[in-house]
Each structure stands twice: as C-alpha cells, then as structure tokens.
C-alpha cells in the first residue's frame, strides 16, 4: 500500500495535552453568503444552501477526543491493573476507537441508560442546553452476570483486549438491563433470525449493559498496514483546512468503486462549483469496522481504491481517502443516520446517499429488508441532521452506445445495462471482464485477485485471506 500513501497528505497525529484526557477542538468560524438554489434531492422544492468559508461545527459545538495525554499513560495502565476488568471483543474495540476520536461527539463514553433509551426511541440525544443531536444506533458495552458480580460496588472498571492489555478505563459507571429484543426490534425493525451484527454481537452477549465516561489509554491501532488511513475527525478537519476546502462532501461505501460511483462523485463536485463553492473536497470514506462475511474485506477494498486514484478516475488533489472505523449494522434507514451524523463531526456539510443505504436482503424472506427509498427520505427529516445537506444518488448505468457509465436516461432505456453487485461479483469470480468503461482495469484486477484467493486449493481448504 506504499504507493497509495504518496497520493494523499497524511496529517501528523495531533499532540494531546498531558494534563487532561478529553481534548476538545474549537471549530473554524464561518461566514455565510446567502445563495438561493434548488436542493439536489427534489426539483419541486427549493432550499437555501449557505456557501461557507469554514467547516461545519461538530455536534454539541466541540469535538471530543477521549485519549489521555502521553505523559499520563503509564499511570493509567497501573491504575487499570488495580481495578475490576471487562474483556473487550474485536467489535467492542472498534467502538472504543469510534468514541475515542470523537466520531460520536458529544458522547463521552459507552451509553448510560438514558442515552440508550433516547437512541432507541428517538434516534437522537437532547443535550443540557435543550438542543438535539442525532444518534440512531446504540453504542453500548455488554457484560454478563459474572462480570457484573465481579464489579460489585466499584465506580470504575478497566477495559482489556484479548491479549490482556489495558485499553481504557470507564469511570462513573452505570449498569442496567440489556433488553436484547427491544434493542434488536427498534434498531433493525425486525427480530428475524440471521441479522449479521445481531448474530455476531448481541445474541450471545451478556444480559447487562455498562456505561460511563471513557479514558482511552493510547490511540487505537490495528497494525495491518492501513493505520495511516485511519484519520480521526480532528485530522480530517486539519486536512480539509490545509486544502482550503470550503465544502466537504462525504461518500460512505463498503464496496469497490466502479465508474458509476466516480461519475456521481465528480458530478457532485461540479454541481457544488456551480453553486458558488470555490474548492469542494470529496471525503471518500470506506467503512473499516466489522462487515458481514460476504463483503469484500477492507484491505482488498483499499487496494482497489488505490488503483482508482492512480488511474485518475478520481482526482487525488480534490479527494481525501480515509477509513471510517465504525462497525456495520446493516440497519438501513436507522443506521444511515449514524453514517451521516458521524461525518458532520469530521467536517462534512454534504452527504451523498444511495439506493437502500446500509441495507441488505431480508435474512429469511426473499426480498430487501428495507424500502430502497426510505434511507434518503429519513435523512431529509431526521432530528439533529438539519445542518447537513443530503445529496441522493442519481441513477447510473452502463451506456452501451457510449461504452461508459452514464446517468440513466429513461428516454432511451434500451441503451443502458444495469450491472448489479451480484453480477459484478459473479464476473469477478469467473475472471470475466466487464464492459469497457465499467471499472478501471487496475481496480478490476484487484477484485479478480481477491475472489481468486477464495478458490479452494487442492486439499479443498480455502486459502487464508487477510481479515478486514
């Protein structure tokens, strides 16, 4: 991945003050020029979009980072070793990562009961000043009966990884009942068996949740060759400022980038320039946490994105590629709010949303789990997301006459070929070449290489692949 590193500026890690564990970032001031223009999402309605010379403020007005200062880390490790401990799963650590960098600002740690209930029932949190911020997915830590008994009356616990290394301290804790059925029903809208995240993290989890204020002992690293792309919201804001961005538009994805995606992103930048922005910057932001087994693993997706940038399909000068550390729920309109909200904290004021965002097939019935249009509709109405401009996908398909991906024209529908994700995977697995102009050749070669790595070897065992 070294060649990819040369394409993007990597902001150095911001120094953490040694006398505190919560670091706040004040936002850039914004001066607005009133421009009345149509919003992308609805030609029948108009919405005044403000052209800003600064970055959007984080939720709650400040970005919270929960990593302790370097001088305090040895002291915190010693303290952690002297208190009751909770062992973290891989996905728990991903949530510690999310919280530690401020993606979930203004959360200060794993949710206490009032925050959990507000999230489940209102998809938002009401702050002390009466304002509302969006929060649609529970960020919680489950424990079992034996762990609860071991904690006893302690007001703090240490969080350890699978190697018995202290990761964080949770202070001023609150333990409350983990009503799994309610959590699943309200997050996914169904309790049907076979929901990937539920099977992975909830079904066999403990019957209690523990919340509190989080002190993370050191930045979360994965040592997988991709840490340089795991830019925090603060680092992304630094990078957008360095590039003199006056608008940031975010594109969330968990799949390889084809030329239809690229067309959408380049067209979005063109439209923002037409609005009056001088230097809109794209945040290409692949999801880097837990994904279901049949998704392309992160390391292969990053290799594919590298080829897209190298081929000039997207312009490296106006594109920032970074990894979003959140696990994936596949919770449709509920989860897409989390994806959008977290990008506000990274400085994005525009969010591109596609068909059936964060959706999946129903785990039992032969249909989509969610209505394909509900994600973009919910984003346009969601509490706490009023400051974010939602940009729905235009439909792109392969134009057989122009031999390239283009926006679908219903007047000549017979000229267009829709290549679904299933069709794309089938072609790659069979080492077949897609139509010219569907994906850059280098990116397609990476995809073929990935599926080739899954072919059973002579002893009928799958070759080992690098995990996401």
Protein backbone atom coordinates (compact mmCIF):
# COMPACT_ATOMS: atom_id res chain seq x y z
CA UNK A 1 0.00 0.00 0.00
CA UNK A 2 3.04 2.29 -0.03
CA UNK A 3 2.23 3.74 -3.43
CA UNK A 4 -1.19 4.82 -2.20
CA UNK A 5 0.41 6.77 0.60
CA UNK A 6 2.11 9.06 -1.89
CA UNK A 7 -1.28 10.11 -3.26
CA UNK A 8 -2.60 11.60 -0.04
CA UNK A 9 -1.26 14.02 2.52
CA UNK A 10 -1.14 12.39 5.96
CA UNK A 11 -1.71 14.83 8.78
CA UNK A 12 0.62 14.14 11.73
CA UNK A 13 -1.08 12.93 14.88
CA UNK A 14 -2.21 15.97 16.87
CA UNK A 15 -0.40 16.33 20.16
CA UNK A 16 -2.51 15.57 23.20
CA UNK A 17 -2.24 17.75 26.29
CA UNK A 18 -0.57 15.90 29.10
CA UNK A 19 -2.82 17.30 31.82
CA UNK A 20 -6.20 16.10 30.55
CA UNK A 21 -7.76 13.12 28.82
CA UNK A 22 -10.59 14.86 26.98
CA UNK A 23 -9.38 17.08 24.18
CA UNK A 24 -11.79 19.48 22.53
CA UNK A 25 -11.33 21.13 19.15
CA UNK A 26 -12.84 24.52 18.55
CA UNK A 27 -14.28 24.90 15.08
CA UNK A 28 -13.38 27.38 12.37
CA UNK A 29 -15.57 30.46 12.18
CA UNK A 30 -17.95 30.54 9.26
CA UNK A 31 -19.11 33.47 7.16
CA UNK A 32 -22.15 32.79 5.04
CA UNK A 33 -23.23 34.27 1.77
CA UNK A 34 -26.93 33.83 1.04
CA UNK A 35 -27.49 31.97 -2.20
CA UNK A 36 -30.90 30.55 -3.06
CA UNK A 37 -30.58 27.44 -5.21
CA UNK A 38 -32.50 24.22 -5.73
CA UNK A 39 -31.58 21.34 -3.46
CA UNK A 40 -30.36 18.28 -5.36
CA UNK A 41 -32.90 15.96 -3.79
CA UNK A 42 -36.16 17.45 -5.04
CA UNK A 43 -36.74 19.52 -8.15
CA UNK A 44 -40.20 20.54 -6.89
CA UNK A 45 -38.84 22.17 -3.76
CA UNK A 46 -36.08 24.67 -3.15
CA UNK A 47 -33.83 25.01 -0.18
CA UNK A 48 -31.38 27.80 0.52
CA UNK A 49 -27.93 26.29 0.88
CA UNK A 50 -25.38 28.51 2.55
CA UNK A 51 -21.96 28.83 0.99
CA UNK A 52 -19.50 28.74 3.87
CA UNK A 53 -15.81 29.58 4.06
CA UNK A 54 -15.34 27.37 7.13
CA UNK A 55 -16.05 23.83 8.23
CA UNK A 56 -19.34 22.78 9.80
CA UNK A 57 -19.30 22.66 13.60
CA UNK A 58 -19.22 19.25 15.30
CA UNK A 59 -22.33 18.09 17.13
CA UNK A 60 -22.52 19.80 20.50
CA UNK A 61 -20.21 22.58 19.29
CA UNK A 62 -16.92 20.83 20.01
CA UNK A 63 -15.12 17.66 19.04
CA UNK A 64 -14.39 15.35 21.96
CA UNK A 65 -11.27 13.16 21.87
CA UNK A 66 -11.05 10.72 24.75
CA UNK A 67 -7.39 9.60 24.56
CA UNK A 68 -5.26 10.52 27.59
CA UNK A 69 -2.13 12.60 27.24
CA UNK A 70 1.06 10.66 26.61
CA UNK A 71 2.60 11.57 29.97
CA UNK A 72 -0.36 10.03 31.81
CA UNK A 73 -0.42 6.68 30.02
CA UNK A 74 1.85 4.69 32.33
CA UNK A 75 -0.10 5.96 35.33
CA UNK A 76 -3.40 4.96 33.69
CA UNK A 77 -2.07 1.48 32.88
CA UNK A 78 -1.09 0.96 36.51
CA UNK A 79 -4.50 2.17 37.66
CA UNK A 80 -6.25 -0.12 35.17
CA UNK A 81 -4.40 -3.12 36.55
CA UNK A 82 -5.75 -2.40 40.05
CA UNK A 83 -9.49 -2.43 39.30
CA UNK A 84 -12.18 -4.84 38.07
CA UNK A 85 -11.84 -5.57 34.39
CA UNK A 86 -14.03 -6.23 31.38
CA UNK A 87 -12.65 -8.08 28.38
CA UNK A 88 -13.39 -6.46 25.03
CA UNK A 89 -14.27 -8.22 21.79
CA UNK A 90 -12.88 -7.05 18.47
CA UNK A 91 -16.09 -5.11 17.76
CA UNK A 92 -16.05 -3.58 21.27
CA UNK A 93 -12.57 -2.24 20.49
CA UNK A 94 -13.86 -0.77 17.23
CA UNK A 95 -16.48 1.11 19.25
CA UNK A 96 -13.79 2.29 21.69
CA UNK A 97 -11.95 3.58 18.61
CA UNK A 98 -15.07 5.40 17.37
CA UNK A 99 -15.68 7.02 20.76
CA UNK A 100 -12.04 7.88 21.40
CA UNK A 101 -11.70 10.01 18.26
CA UNK A 102 -14.95 11.92 18.61
CA UNK A 103 -16.98 10.35 15.78
CA UNK A 104 -19.88 10.09 18.24
CA UNK A 105 -19.43 13.54 19.82
CA UNK A 106 -20.86 14.68 22.16
CA UNK A 107 -20.83 11.16 23.70
CA UNK A 108 -18.12 10.80 26.36
CA UNK A 109 -18.20 7.04 26.53
CA UNK A 110 -20.40 3.98 26.28
CA UNK A 111 -24.06 4.93 26.72
CA UNK A 112 -25.76 5.09 30.07
CA UNK A 113 -29.41 4.06 30.25
CA UNK A 114 -30.97 7.45 29.46
CA UNK A 115 -28.76 7.82 26.37
CA UNK A 116 -29.53 4.26 25.31
CA UNK A 117 -33.30 4.82 25.60
CA UNK A 118 -33.18 8.14 23.72
CA UNK A 119 -31.25 6.46 20.95
CA UNK A 120 -33.68 3.54 20.66
CA UNK A 121 -36.86 5.57 20.85
CA UNK A 122 -35.97 8.97 19.35
CA UNK A 123 -32.81 8.38 17.24
CA UNK A 124 -31.38 11.44 18.96
CA UNK A 125 -29.98 12.85 22.19
CA UNK A 126 -31.15 16.00 23.94
CA UNK A 127 -28.26 18.00 25.39
CA UNK A 128 -28.23 20.04 28.59
CA UNK A 129 -28.90 23.26 26.67
CA UNK A 130 -32.02 21.76 25.10
CA UNK A 131 -30.53 21.24 21.65
CA UNK A 132 -30.84 17.90 19.86
CA UNK A 133 -28.14 15.89 18.09
CA UNK A 134 -28.71 12.80 16.03
CA UNK A 135 -27.78 9.41 17.47
CA UNK A 136 -29.51 6.46 15.84
CA UNK A 137 -27.51 3.36 16.81
CA UNK A 138 -26.73 2.29 20.39
CA UNK A 139 -23.04 2.46 21.29
CA UNK A 140 -23.07 0.15 24.27
CA UNK A 141 -20.92 -2.39 26.09
CA UNK A 142 -22.47 -5.67 27.25
CA UNK A 143 -21.37 -7.66 30.30
CA UNK A 144 -22.61 -10.94 31.79
CA UNK A 145 -23.73 -11.84 35.30
CA UNK A 146 -20.28 -12.94 36.46
CA UNK A 147 -18.69 -9.69 35.27
CA UNK A 148 -21.42 -7.66 36.96
CA UNK A 149 -20.84 -9.53 40.22
CA UNK A 150 -17.07 -9.03 39.95
CA UNK A 151 -17.54 -5.29 39.50
CA UNK A 152 -19.69 -5.10 42.62
CA UNK A 153 -19.86 -1.58 44.05
CA UNK A 154 -16.87 -0.26 42.12
CA UNK A 155 -17.47 3.04 40.32
CA UNK A 156 -14.89 2.30 37.65
CA UNK A 157 -13.71 -0.62 35.54
CA UNK A 158 -10.77 -1.31 33.24
CA UNK A 159 -11.31 -2.47 29.67
CA UNK A 160 -8.80 -5.04 28.40
CA UNK A 161 -8.21 -6.58 25.00
CA UNK A 162 -7.85 -10.29 24.21
CA UNK A 163 -4.09 -10.08 24.89
CA UNK A 164 -4.72 -8.83 28.45
CA UNK A 165 -3.55 -5.35 27.52
CA UNK A 166 -5.36 -2.42 29.18
CA UNK A 167 -7.20 -0.36 26.55
CA UNK A 168 -9.28 2.10 28.56
CA UNK A 169 -10.87 2.99 31.89
CA UNK A 170 -14.61 3.50 32.25
CA UNK A 171 -15.47 5.88 35.11
CA UNK A 172 -18.63 6.81 36.99
CA UNK A 173 -20.22 3.65 35.64
CA UNK A 174 -23.87 2.70 35.40
CA UNK A 175 -25.02 -0.91 34.91
CA UNK A 176 -28.51 -1.54 33.55
CA UNK A 177 -30.56 -4.30 31.94
CA UNK A 178 -29.75 -5.31 28.36
CA UNK A 179 -33.17 -5.81 26.78
CA UNK A 180 -31.97 -7.53 23.64
CA UNK A 181 -35.32 -7.99 21.96
CA UNK A 182 -36.22 -4.31 22.30
CA UNK A 183 -32.77 -3.26 21.09
CA UNK A 184 -32.94 -5.52 18.04
CA UNK A 185 -36.53 -4.66 17.13
CA UNK A 186 -36.01 -0.92 17.36
CA UNK A 187 -32.63 -0.87 15.59
CA UNK A 188 -33.45 -3.24 12.74
CA UNK A 189 -37.24 -3.12 12.63
CA UNK A 190 -37.34 -6.91 12.83
CA UNK A 191 -36.29 -9.72 15.12
CA UNK A 192 -35.95 -12.22 12.27
CA UNK A 193 -33.05 -14.64 12.78
CA UNK A 194 -29.91 -14.20 10.70
CA UNK A 195 -29.12 -10.48 11.12
CA UNK A 196 -25.29 -10.47 10.84
CA UNK A 197 -24.48 -7.88 13.51
CA UNK A 198 -27.03 -9.39 15.91
CA UNK A 199 -25.55 -12.88 15.47
CA UNK A 200 -22.03 -11.51 15.93
CA UNK A 201 -22.51 -9.19 18.91
CA UNK A 202 -25.93 -9.34 20.59
CA UNK A 203 -27.40 -12.84 20.53
CA UNK A 204 -24.78 -14.32 22.87
CA UNK A 205 -23.89 -11.10 24.69
CA UNK A 206 -24.40 -10.54 28.39
CA UNK A 207 -27.71 -9.51 29.93
CA UNK A 208 -26.36 -6.21 31.24
CA UNK A 209 -25.02 -3.01 29.69
CA UNK A 210 -22.37 -0.86 31.32
CA UNK A 211 -21.97 2.83 30.51
CA UNK A 212 -19.69 5.58 31.72
CA UNK A 213 -17.07 8.17 30.86
CA UNK A 214 -14.23 6.73 28.80
CA UNK A 215 -10.50 7.34 29.18
CA UNK A 216 -8.62 5.62 26.36
CA UNK A 217 -5.03 4.92 27.30
CA UNK A 218 -3.50 5.26 23.84
CA UNK A 219 -4.71 5.68 20.24
CA UNK A 220 -6.27 2.51 18.81
CA UNK A 221 -4.04 0.89 16.18
CA UNK A 222 -4.55 -2.29 14.15
CA UNK A 223 -1.03 -2.75 12.72
CA UNK A 224 -2.44 -4.05 9.44
CA UNK A 225 -0.66 -1.66 7.10
CA UNK A 226 -3.71 0.62 6.93
CA UNK A 227 -3.41 2.70 10.10
CA UNK A 228 -2.13 5.70 8.12
CA UNK A 229 -5.58 5.96 6.53
CA UNK A 230 -7.50 5.85 9.79
CA UNK A 231 -7.66 9.62 10.12
CA UNK A 232 -9.59 10.95 13.09
CA UNK A 233 -12.20 13.70 12.71
CA UNK A 234 -9.64 16.20 14.02
CA UNK A 235 -7.03 15.04 11.50
CA UNK A 236 -9.57 15.19 8.67
CA UNK A 237 -10.52 18.73 9.66
CA UNK A 238 -6.84 19.66 9.62
CA UNK A 239 -6.51 18.17 6.14
CA UNK A 240 -9.60 19.92 4.78
CA UNK A 241 -8.29 23.20 6.18
CA UNK A 242 -4.85 22.58 4.62
CA UNK A 243 -6.55 22.08 1.26
CA UNK A 244 -8.61 25.26 1.71
CA UNK A 245 -11.87 23.33 1.36
CA UNK A 246 -14.98 25.48 1.54
CA UNK A 247 -17.27 22.44 1.25
CA UNK A 248 -16.76 18.77 2.11
CA UNK A 249 -18.98 16.09 0.55
CA UNK A 250 -18.76 12.61 2.02
CA UNK A 251 -19.30 9.31 0.25
CA UNK A 252 -19.72 6.26 2.52
CA UNK A 253 -19.12 2.87 0.95
CA UNK A 254 -18.29 -0.72 1.81
CA UNK A 255 -17.85 -1.93 -1.79
CA UNK A 256 -15.31 -1.48 -4.59
CA UNK A 257 -15.60 1.79 -6.53
CA UNK A 258 -16.81 1.48 -10.12
CA UNK A 259 -17.02 4.26 -12.68
CA UNK A 260 -20.69 4.89 -11.89
CA UNK A 261 -19.71 5.81 -8.34
CA UNK A 262 -16.93 8.02 -9.70
CA UNK A 263 -19.35 9.72 -12.09
CA UNK A 264 -21.64 10.55 -9.20
CA UNK A 265 -18.79 11.99 -7.13
CA UNK A 266 -17.31 14.09 -9.92
CA UNK A 267 -20.77 15.34 -10.91
CA UNK A 268 -21.41 16.32 -7.28
CA UNK A 269 -18.25 18.42 -7.22
CA UNK A 270 -19.28 20.08 -10.48
CA UNK A 271 -22.67 20.99 -9.02
CA UNK A 272 -21.09 22.40 -5.86
CA UNK A 273 -18.83 24.59 -8.00
CA UNK A 274 -21.91 25.79 -9.87
CA UNK A 275 -23.47 26.71 -6.53
CA UNK A 276 -20.63 29.10 -5.79
CA UNK A 277 -18.21 26.99 -3.78
CA UNK A 278 -14.59 27.52 -4.80
CA UNK A 279 -12.94 24.31 -3.63
CA UNK A 280 -15.25 21.45 -2.64
CA UNK A 281 -13.31 18.39 -1.45
CA UNK A 282 -14.50 14.77 -1.56
CA UNK A 283 -14.17 12.58 1.52
CA UNK A 284 -14.05 9.04 0.10
CA UNK A 285 -14.72 7.17 3.31
CA UNK A 286 -14.86 3.36 3.18
CA UNK A 287 -16.20 1.62 6.26
CA UNK A 288 -13.40 -0.10 8.13
CA UNK A 289 -15.08 -1.90 11.02
CA UNK A 290 -16.96 -5.18 11.17
CA UNK A 291 -18.65 -6.27 7.92
CA UNK A 292 -20.51 -9.46 7.09
CA UNK A 293 -18.64 -12.43 5.69
CA UNK A 294 -19.56 -11.99 2.02
CA UNK A 295 -18.43 -8.35 1.80
CA UNK A 296 -15.03 -7.62 0.23
CA UNK A 297 -12.51 -7.27 3.11
CA UNK A 298 -11.13 -3.81 3.87
CA UNK A 299 -7.56 -4.46 2.74
CA UNK A 300 -8.77 -5.52 -0.71
CA UNK A 301 -11.12 -2.57 -0.98
CA UNK A 302 -8.27 -0.20 -0.14
CA UNK A 303 -6.10 -1.81 -2.83
CA UNK A 304 -8.93 -1.32 -5.30
CA UNK A 305 -9.41 2.33 -4.27
CA UNK A 306 -5.67 2.85 -4.77
CA UNK A 307 -5.98 1.80 -8.40
CA UNK A 308 -8.97 4.11 -8.91
CA UNK A 309 -6.89 7.07 -7.73
CA UNK A 310 -3.81 6.00 -9.69
CA UNK A 311 -5.89 5.80 -12.87
CA UNK A 312 -7.20 9.33 -12.35
CA UNK A 313 -10.80 8.17 -12.19
CA UNK A 314 -10.98 10.38 -9.11
CA UNK A 315 -8.71 13.41 -8.73
CA UNK A 316 -6.22 12.95 -5.83
CA UNK A 317 -5.95 16.73 -5.48
CA UNK A 318 -9.61 17.08 -4.53
CA UNK A 319 -10.11 13.68 -2.85
CA UNK A 320 -9.23 12.60 0.68
CA UNK A 321 -9.33 8.84 1.23
CA UNK A 322 -9.66 7.73 4.82
CA UNK A 323 -11.06 4.74 6.73
CA UNK A 324 -14.17 5.13 8.88
CA UNK A 325 -13.64 2.84 11.92
CA UNK A 326 -17.28 2.06 12.71
CA UNK A 327 -18.68 -1.49 12.64
CA UNK A 328 -21.52 -2.10 10.17
CA UNK A 329 -25.04 -2.87 11.42
CA UNK A 330 -26.90 -3.28 8.09
CA UNK A 331 -29.79 -1.46 9.75
CA UNK A 332 -30.96 0.58 6.77
CA UNK A 333 -32.66 3.95 7.46
CA UNK A 334 -31.73 3.74 11.14
CA UNK A 335 -28.03 3.18 10.52
CA UNK A 336 -27.64 5.64 7.65
CA UNK A 337 -28.39 8.41 10.15
CA UNK A 338 -25.33 7.33 12.14
CA UNK A 339 -23.22 7.31 8.97
CA UNK A 340 -24.32 10.86 8.18
CA UNK A 341 -24.06 12.21 11.74
CA UNK A 342 -20.52 10.95 12.23
CA UNK A 343 -19.37 12.73 9.04
CA UNK A 344 -20.62 16.04 10.44
CA UNK A 345 -18.08 15.57 13.22
CA UNK A 346 -15.39 15.08 10.56
CA UNK A 347 -16.32 18.38 8.89
CA UNK A 348 -18.62 17.26 6.07
CA UNK A 349 -21.57 19.50 5.25
CA UNK A 350 -22.80 17.41 2.30
CA UNK A 351 -23.58 13.70 2.39
CA UNK A 352 -24.19 11.51 -0.67
CA UNK A 353 -26.82 8.84 -0.09
CA UNK A 354 -27.61 5.99 -2.43
CA UNK A 355 -30.32 3.43 -3.00
CA UNK A 356 -31.06 1.30 0.07
CA UNK A 357 -28.18 2.72 2.16
CA UNK A 358 -26.90 0.35 4.85
CA UNK A 359 -29.47 -2.19 3.65
CA UNK A 360 -29.32 -5.89 2.96
CA UNK A 361 -31.54 -8.75 1.87
CA UNK A 362 -34.06 -9.98 4.40
CA UNK A 363 -32.40 -12.81 6.33
CA UNK A 364 -35.41 -15.10 5.85
CA UNK A 365 -37.74 -13.80 3.13
CA UNK A 366 -36.65 -13.31 -0.48
CA UNK A 367 -36.83 -9.52 -0.54
CA UNK A 368 -34.94 -6.42 0.54
CA UNK A 369 -35.11 -5.83 4.28
CA UNK A 370 -35.86 -2.11 3.79
CA UNK A 371 -37.61 0.04 1.21
CA UNK A 372 -34.88 1.26 -1.13
CA UNK A 373 -36.01 4.92 -0.96
CA UNK A 374 -36.56 5.20 2.78
CA UNK A 375 -32.92 5.89 3.67
CA UNK A 376 -32.73 9.16 1.74
CA UNK A 377 -36.23 10.15 2.88
CA UNK A 378 -35.36 9.57 6.54
CA UNK A 379 -32.12 11.56 6.24
CA UNK A 380 -34.02 14.56 4.92
CA UNK A 381 -36.26 14.53 8.03
CA UNK A 382 -34.05 13.12 10.79
CA UNK A 383 -33.76 15.10 14.05
CA UNK A 384 -30.34 16.63 14.53
CA UNK A 385 -29.33 16.40 10.86
CA UNK A 386 -30.87 19.70 9.77
CA UNK A 387 -27.44 21.25 9.17
CA UNK A 388 -26.38 18.50 6.77
CA UNK A 389 -27.24 18.76 3.06
CA UNK A 390 -28.36 15.38 1.71
CA UNK A 391 -27.46 14.54 -1.88
CA UNK A 392 -29.34 11.50 -3.22
CA UNK A 393 -27.77 9.28 -5.87
CA UNK A 394 -28.56 9.88 -9.46
CA UNK A 395 -29.11 6.53 -11.13
CA UNK A 396 -26.05 5.50 -13.13
CA UNK A 397 -25.85 2.55 -15.51
CA UNK A 398 -23.66 1.31 -18.33
CA UNK A 399 -24.42 3.17 -21.56
CA UNK A 400 -23.89 0.61 -24.34
CA UNK A 401 -23.77 3.32 -27.04
CA UNK A 402 -21.18 5.49 -25.30
CA UNK A 403 -19.42 2.44 -23.79
CA UNK A 404 -19.14 4.04 -20.37
CA UNK A 405 -21.06 4.57 -17.15
CA UNK A 406 -23.57 7.39 -17.52
CA UNK A 407 -26.64 8.77 -15.82
CA UNK A 408 -29.67 6.76 -16.83
CA UNK A 409 -31.88 8.33 -19.49
CA UNK A 410 -35.37 6.77 -19.44
CA UNK A 411 -35.99 8.10 -22.95
CA UNK A 412 -33.53 5.52 -24.28
CA UNK A 413 -33.68 2.88 -21.59
CA UNK A 414 -32.84 0.14 -24.09
CA UNK A 415 -29.30 1.57 -24.36
CA UNK A 416 -28.49 1.01 -20.68
CA UNK A 417 -27.26 -2.06 -18.86
CA UNK A 418 -27.62 -2.33 -15.09
CA UNK A 419 -24.74 -4.29 -13.54
CA UNK A 420 -25.78 -5.27 -10.03
CA UNK A 421 -23.38 -6.01 -7.22
CA UNK A 422 -24.26 -9.68 -7.59
CA UNK A 423 -23.48 -9.56 -11.32
CA UNK A 424 -20.20 -7.74 -10.63
CA UNK A 425 -19.14 -10.38 -8.10
CA UNK A 426 -20.09 -13.19 -10.47
CA UNK A 427 -17.97 -11.70 -13.26
CA UNK A 428 -15.01 -11.25 -10.93
CA UNK A 429 -15.30 -14.77 -9.51
CA UNK A 430 -15.37 -16.20 -13.04
CA UNK A 431 -12.46 -13.98 -14.12
CA UNK A 432 -14.66 -12.45 -16.80
CA UNK A 433 -14.06 -8.92 -18.00
CA UNK A 434 -16.85 -6.37 -17.50
CA UNK A 435 -17.77 -3.97 -20.33
CA UNK A 436 -15.12 -1.36 -21.14
CA UNK A 437 -15.68 1.71 -19.01
CA UNK A 438 -17.38 -0.06 -16.10
CA UNK A 439 -14.32 -0.02 -13.80
CA UNK A 440 -10.71 0.96 -14.30
CA UNK A 441 -8.65 -2.10 -15.36
CA UNK A 442 -6.34 -1.96 -12.35
CA UNK A 443 -9.27 -1.85 -9.95
CA UNK A 444 -10.92 -4.80 -11.68
CA UNK A 445 -7.72 -6.84 -11.48
CA UNK A 446 -7.68 -6.35 -7.69
CA UNK A 447 -11.26 -7.59 -7.45
CA UNK A 448 -10.48 -10.66 -9.56
CA UNK A 449 -7.40 -11.33 -7.45
CA UNK A 450 -9.48 -11.20 -4.27
CA UNK A 451 -12.08 -13.71 -5.49
CA UNK A 452 -9.32 -15.90 -6.90
CA UNK A 453 -7.81 -16.02 -3.38
CA UNK A 454 -11.03 -17.64 -2.16
CA UNK A 455 -10.87 -20.54 -4.62
CA UNK A 456 -10.38 -23.87 -2.77
CA UNK A 457 -6.88 -25.25 -3.01
CA UNK A 458 -6.02 -28.88 -3.80
CA UNK A 459 -6.81 -30.04 -0.28
CA UNK A 460 -10.27 -28.43 -0.53
CA UNK A 461 -9.48 -25.83 2.12
CA UNK A 462 -10.00 -22.16 1.42
CA UNK A 463 -6.85 -20.13 1.09
CA UNK A 464 -6.29 -17.88 4.04
CA UNK A 465 -7.16 -14.23 3.33
CA UNK A 466 -6.27 -11.13 5.26
CA UNK A 467 -9.19 -10.21 7.56
CA UNK A 468 -10.98 -6.89 7.27
